[in-house]
Amino acid sequence: MADPNEPPRGECRQCWRHAHDRNAHRHLGSRKDCPQCVDHMINGHPGINRH
């Protein structure tokens, strides 16, 4: 299983965590959009990990 806290080089840290951490969206309940993910879809990925 991928480590949600250690994205590979070139991956957005937030997107990586939200894709690989089962708890990232748990607080939203079912069938709701994550505001942080929606922001990334609209505004891009400002936190790209470039090690």
Protein backbone atom coordinates (compact mmCIF):
# COMPACT_ATOMS: atom_id res chain seq x y z
CA MET A 1 0.00 0.00 0.00
CA ALA A 2 1.25 3.49 -0.84
CA ASP A 3 2.25 5.76 2.01
CA PRO A 4 -0.25 8.66 1.95
CA ASN A 5 2.31 10.96 3.58
CA GLU A 6 5.14 10.36 1.08
CA PRO A 7 4.13 11.13 -2.50
CA PRO A 8 6.50 10.19 -5.31
CA ARG A 9 8.48 12.95 -6.95
CA GLY A 10 6.27 15.16 -9.12
CA GLU A 11 3.02 14.24 -7.39
CA CYS A 12 0.84 16.75 -5.58
CA ARG A 13 1.13 16.05 -1.84
CA GLN A 14 -2.55 16.84 -1.18
CA CYS A 15 -3.89 14.80 -4.10
CA TRP A 16 -1.65 11.88 -3.17
CA ARG A 17 -2.87 11.89 0.42
CA HIS A 18 -6.51 12.22 -0.57
CA ALA A 19 -6.16 9.35 -3.02
CA HIS A 20 -4.32 6.99 -0.65
CA ASP A 21 -5.54 7.84 2.87
CA ARG A 22 -8.85 6.20 3.69
CA ASN A 23 -9.53 8.82 6.36
CA ALA A 24 -9.03 11.86 4.12
CA HIS A 25 -12.70 12.06 3.13
CA ARG A 26 -14.29 10.19 6.02
CA HIS A 27 -15.58 13.39 7.65
CA LEU A 28 -17.64 14.21 4.53
CA GLY A 29 -19.95 11.24 4.81
CA SER A 30 -21.21 9.70 1.61
CA ARG A 31 -21.66 11.39 -1.75
CA LYS A 32 -20.26 14.82 -0.92
CA ASP A 33 -17.47 16.64 -2.70
CA CYS A 34 -14.30 17.44 -0.80
CA PRO A 35 -13.75 21.23 -0.92
CA GLN A 36 -9.97 20.79 -1.13
CA CYS A 37 -10.23 18.36 -4.04
CA VAL A 38 -12.71 20.60 -5.86
CA ASP A 39 -10.32 23.54 -5.39
CA HIS A 40 -7.52 21.49 -6.98
CA MET A 41 -9.74 20.55 -9.91
CA ILE A 42 -10.51 24.23 -10.51
CA ASN A 43 -7.23 25.95 -9.57
CA GLY A 44 -4.59 23.32 -10.21
CA HIS A 45 -1.96 21.78 -7.97
CA PRO A 46 0.09 24.37 -6.07
CA GLY A 47 1.90 21.86 -3.80
CA ILE A 48 3.78 19.69 -6.30
CA ASN A 49 6.50 17.71 -4.52
CA ARG A 50 9.75 18.16 -6.46
CA HIS A 51 12.31 16.50 -4.07
